[in-house]
């Protein structure tokens, strides 16, 4: 019986450690004052666009000339 509880406790610890391994979010600050939160690091393209995935999981793009700053959001 002790072995069962020890195994269940170890599984709980492992699962809680895995939930901490989430993607980093980034804040994209635009020249017009908007802040866009991306899921994962935005990627720059040669066409002058910054690609990112929004909070709903939809891939979006914004012109790099409209971006003031990209900053990592601390967890």
N, C-alpha and C. Protein backbone atom coordinates (compact mmCIF):
# COMPACT_ATOMS: atom_id res chain seq x y z
N UNK A 1 0.82 -1.18 0.00
CA UNK A 1 0.00 0.00 0.00
C UNK A 1 0.87 1.26 0.00
N UNK A 2 1.99 1.22 0.75
CA UNK A 2 2.89 2.37 0.78
C UNK A 2 3.50 2.61 -0.60
N UNK A 3 3.77 1.54 -1.32
CA UNK A 3 4.37 1.67 -2.65
C UNK A 3 3.40 2.37 -3.60
N UNK A 4 2.10 2.08 -3.48
CA UNK A 4 1.10 2.74 -4.32
C UNK A 4 1.07 4.25 -4.06
N UNK A 5 1.06 4.66 -2.80
CA UNK A 5 1.02 6.07 -2.47
C UNK A 5 2.31 6.79 -2.88
N UNK A 6 3.42 6.11 -2.75
CA UNK A 6 4.70 6.69 -3.17
C UNK A 6 4.72 6.89 -4.69
N UNK A 7 4.19 5.92 -5.43
CA UNK A 7 4.12 6.03 -6.89
C UNK A 7 3.16 7.16 -7.30
N UNK A 8 2.03 7.26 -6.65
CA UNK A 8 1.06 8.32 -6.95
C UNK A 8 1.65 9.69 -6.64
N UNK A 9 2.37 9.79 -5.53
CA UNK A 9 3.00 11.05 -5.16
C UNK A 9 4.08 11.44 -6.17
N UNK A 10 4.88 10.50 -6.61
CA UNK A 10 5.92 10.76 -7.60
C UNK A 10 5.30 11.19 -8.93
N UNK A 11 4.20 10.55 -9.32
CA UNK A 11 3.52 10.93 -10.57
C UNK A 11 2.98 12.35 -10.48
N UNK A 12 2.46 12.72 -9.33
CA UNK A 12 1.95 14.08 -9.14
C UNK A 12 3.07 15.10 -9.25
N UNK A 13 4.20 14.82 -8.69
CA UNK A 13 5.35 15.72 -8.77
C UNK A 13 5.82 15.87 -10.21
N UNK A 14 5.89 14.78 -10.94
CA UNK A 14 6.33 14.81 -12.34
C UNK A 14 5.35 15.62 -13.18
N UNK A 15 4.07 15.40 -13.00
CA UNK A 15 3.07 16.14 -13.77
C UNK A 15 3.10 17.63 -13.46
N UNK A 16 3.27 17.99 -12.21
CA UNK A 16 3.33 19.42 -11.87
C UNK A 16 4.60 20.06 -12.43
N UNK A 17 5.68 19.32 -12.52
CA UNK A 17 6.91 19.86 -13.12
C UNK A 17 6.73 20.06 -14.61
N UNK A 18 6.03 19.16 -15.27
CA UNK A 18 5.81 19.29 -16.71
C UNK A 18 4.89 20.45 -17.06
N UNK A 19 3.95 20.78 -16.20
CA UNK A 19 3.06 21.90 -16.49
C UNK A 19 3.80 23.22 -16.41
N UNK A 20 4.92 23.26 -15.75
CA UNK A 20 5.72 24.47 -15.68
C UNK A 20 6.52 24.73 -16.95
N UNK A 21 6.59 23.78 -17.85
CA UNK A 21 7.35 23.91 -19.09
C UNK A 21 6.45 24.42 -20.20
N UNK A 22 5.99 25.63 -20.06
CA UNK A 22 5.12 26.21 -21.08
C UNK A 22 5.92 27.14 -21.97
N UNK A 23 5.29 27.53 -23.08
CA UNK A 23 5.94 28.44 -24.00
C UNK A 23 6.02 29.84 -23.40
N UNK A 24 7.03 30.56 -23.80
CA UNK A 24 7.21 31.93 -23.35
C UNK A 24 6.35 32.85 -24.19
N UNK A 25 5.73 33.82 -23.56
CA UNK A 25 4.93 34.81 -24.26
C UNK A 25 5.74 36.08 -24.46
N UNK A 26 5.43 36.80 -25.52
CA UNK A 26 6.11 38.05 -25.83
C UNK A 26 5.09 39.15 -26.02
N UNK A 27 5.44 40.36 -25.61
CA UNK A 27 4.60 41.55 -25.82
C UNK A 27 5.17 42.31 -27.01
N UNK A 28 4.32 42.55 -27.99
CA UNK A 28 4.70 43.33 -29.16
C UNK A 28 4.07 44.71 -28.99
N UNK A 29 4.89 45.72 -28.77
CA UNK A 29 4.42 47.10 -28.59
C UNK A 29 4.49 47.80 -29.95
N UNK A 30 3.37 48.37 -30.36
CA UNK A 30 3.31 49.02 -31.67
C UNK A 30 3.49 50.54 -31.53
N UNK A 31 3.78 51.18 -32.65
CA UNK A 31 3.97 52.63 -32.65
C UNK A 31 2.70 53.40 -32.31
N UNK A 32 1.53 52.80 -32.55
CA UNK A 32 0.27 53.48 -32.24
C UNK A 32 -0.24 53.19 -30.84
N UNK A 33 0.57 52.54 -29.99
CA UNK A 33 0.23 52.35 -28.58
C UNK A 33 -0.42 51.02 -28.24
N UNK A 34 -0.65 50.17 -29.20
CA UNK A 34 -1.25 48.86 -28.91
C UNK A 34 -0.19 47.92 -28.36
N UNK A 35 -0.64 46.95 -27.59
CA UNK A 35 0.23 45.87 -27.12
C UNK A 35 -0.41 44.55 -27.53
N UNK A 36 0.33 43.75 -28.27
CA UNK A 36 -0.14 42.46 -28.75
C UNK A 36 0.66 41.39 -28.00
N UNK A 37 -0.03 40.41 -27.44
CA UNK A 37 0.64 39.31 -26.74
C UNK A 37 0.72 38.13 -27.68
N UNK A 38 1.93 37.63 -27.90
CA UNK A 38 2.12 36.48 -28.77
C UNK A 38 2.44 35.25 -27.95
N UNK A 39 2.03 34.10 -28.46
CA UNK A 39 2.34 32.82 -27.84
C UNK A 39 3.59 32.29 -28.52
N UNK A 40 4.71 32.40 -27.87
CA UNK A 40 5.98 32.02 -28.48
C UNK A 40 6.66 33.24 -29.09
N UNK A 41 7.91 33.05 -29.47
CA UNK A 41 8.70 34.15 -29.99
C UNK A 41 8.28 34.50 -31.42
N UNK A 42 8.03 35.79 -31.69
CA UNK A 42 7.70 36.20 -33.05
C UNK A 42 8.88 35.97 -33.99
N UNK A 43 8.57 35.70 -35.26
CA UNK A 43 9.63 35.44 -36.24
C UNK A 43 9.61 36.53 -37.32
N UNK A 44 10.81 36.99 -37.66
CA UNK A 44 10.95 38.01 -38.69
C UNK A 44 11.11 37.36 -40.05
N UNK A 45 10.51 37.98 -41.07
CA UNK A 45 10.66 37.47 -42.43
C UNK A 45 11.39 38.49 -43.28
N UNK A 46 11.87 38.04 -44.42
CA UNK A 46 12.59 38.93 -45.32
C UNK A 46 11.67 39.94 -46.00
N UNK A 47 10.38 39.71 -45.94
CA UNK A 47 9.42 40.60 -46.60
C UNK A 47 9.06 41.82 -45.77
N UNK A 48 9.65 41.95 -44.58
CA UNK A 48 9.37 43.10 -43.73
C UNK A 48 8.21 42.89 -42.78
N UNK A 49 7.82 41.63 -42.58
CA UNK A 49 6.72 41.32 -41.67
C UNK A 49 7.22 40.56 -40.45
N UNK A 50 6.50 40.73 -39.36
CA UNK A 50 6.78 40.01 -38.12
C UNK A 50 5.63 39.04 -37.91
N UNK A 51 5.92 37.75 -37.94
CA UNK A 51 4.89 36.73 -37.76
C UNK A 51 4.82 36.28 -36.31
N UNK A 52 3.60 36.06 -35.82
CA UNK A 52 3.42 35.62 -34.44
C UNK A 52 2.12 34.83 -34.35
N UNK A 53 1.95 34.09 -33.27
CA UNK A 53 0.72 33.37 -32.98
C UNK A 53 0.03 34.09 -31.84
N UNK A 54 -1.24 34.51 -32.06
CA UNK A 54 -1.94 35.27 -31.03
C UNK A 54 -2.46 34.36 -29.92
N UNK A 55 -3.15 34.95 -28.95
CA UNK A 55 -3.62 34.21 -27.79
C UNK A 55 -4.65 33.15 -28.15
N UNK A 56 -5.31 33.29 -29.29
CA UNK A 56 -6.31 32.31 -29.73
C UNK A 56 -5.70 31.21 -30.58
N UNK A 57 -4.38 31.24 -30.80
CA UNK A 57 -3.71 30.22 -31.59
C UNK A 57 -3.72 30.49 -33.08
N UNK A 58 -4.13 31.72 -33.47
CA UNK A 58 -4.20 32.08 -34.89
C UNK A 58 -2.89 32.77 -35.29
N UNK A 59 -2.33 32.34 -36.43
CA UNK A 59 -1.09 32.96 -36.91
C UNK A 59 -1.42 34.32 -37.52
N UNK A 60 -0.67 35.34 -37.13
CA UNK A 60 -0.89 36.71 -37.57
C UNK A 60 0.44 37.28 -38.06
N UNK A 61 0.36 38.40 -38.78
CA UNK A 61 1.55 39.11 -39.21
C UNK A 61 1.32 40.60 -39.04
N UNK A 62 2.41 41.32 -38.76
CA UNK A 62 2.36 42.76 -38.64
C UNK A 62 3.60 43.32 -39.32
N UNK A 63 3.46 44.48 -39.89
CA UNK A 63 4.58 45.13 -40.55
C UNK A 63 5.63 45.52 -39.50
N UNK A 64 6.89 45.17 -39.75
CA UNK A 64 7.95 45.47 -38.77
C UNK A 64 8.11 46.98 -38.55
N UNK A 65 7.75 47.79 -39.54
CA UNK A 65 7.85 49.24 -39.40
C UNK A 65 6.84 49.77 -38.37
N UNK A 66 5.78 49.01 -38.11
CA UNK A 66 4.76 49.41 -37.13
C UNK A 66 5.09 48.96 -35.72
N UNK A 67 6.17 48.20 -35.55
CA UNK A 67 6.54 47.64 -34.25
C UNK A 67 7.59 48.52 -33.58
N UNK A 68 7.28 48.93 -32.36
CA UNK A 68 8.21 49.75 -31.58
C UNK A 68 9.18 48.87 -30.81
N UNK A 69 8.66 47.79 -30.20
CA UNK A 69 9.49 46.95 -29.34
C UNK A 69 8.85 45.58 -29.18
N UNK A 70 9.67 44.56 -29.04
CA UNK A 70 9.24 43.21 -28.71
C UNK A 70 9.94 42.83 -27.42
N UNK A 71 9.15 42.48 -26.40
CA UNK A 71 9.74 42.15 -25.10
C UNK A 71 9.18 40.84 -24.57
N UNK A 72 10.03 40.04 -23.94
CA UNK A 72 9.59 38.80 -23.32
C UNK A 72 8.81 39.13 -22.06
N UNK A 73 7.71 38.42 -21.86
CA UNK A 73 6.90 38.61 -20.66
C UNK A 73 7.40 37.64 -19.60
N UNK A 74 7.90 38.16 -18.48
CA UNK A 74 8.42 37.28 -17.43
C UNK A 74 7.29 36.51 -16.75
N UNK A 75 7.57 35.27 -16.38
CA UNK A 75 6.56 34.43 -15.71
C UNK A 75 6.82 34.38 -14.25
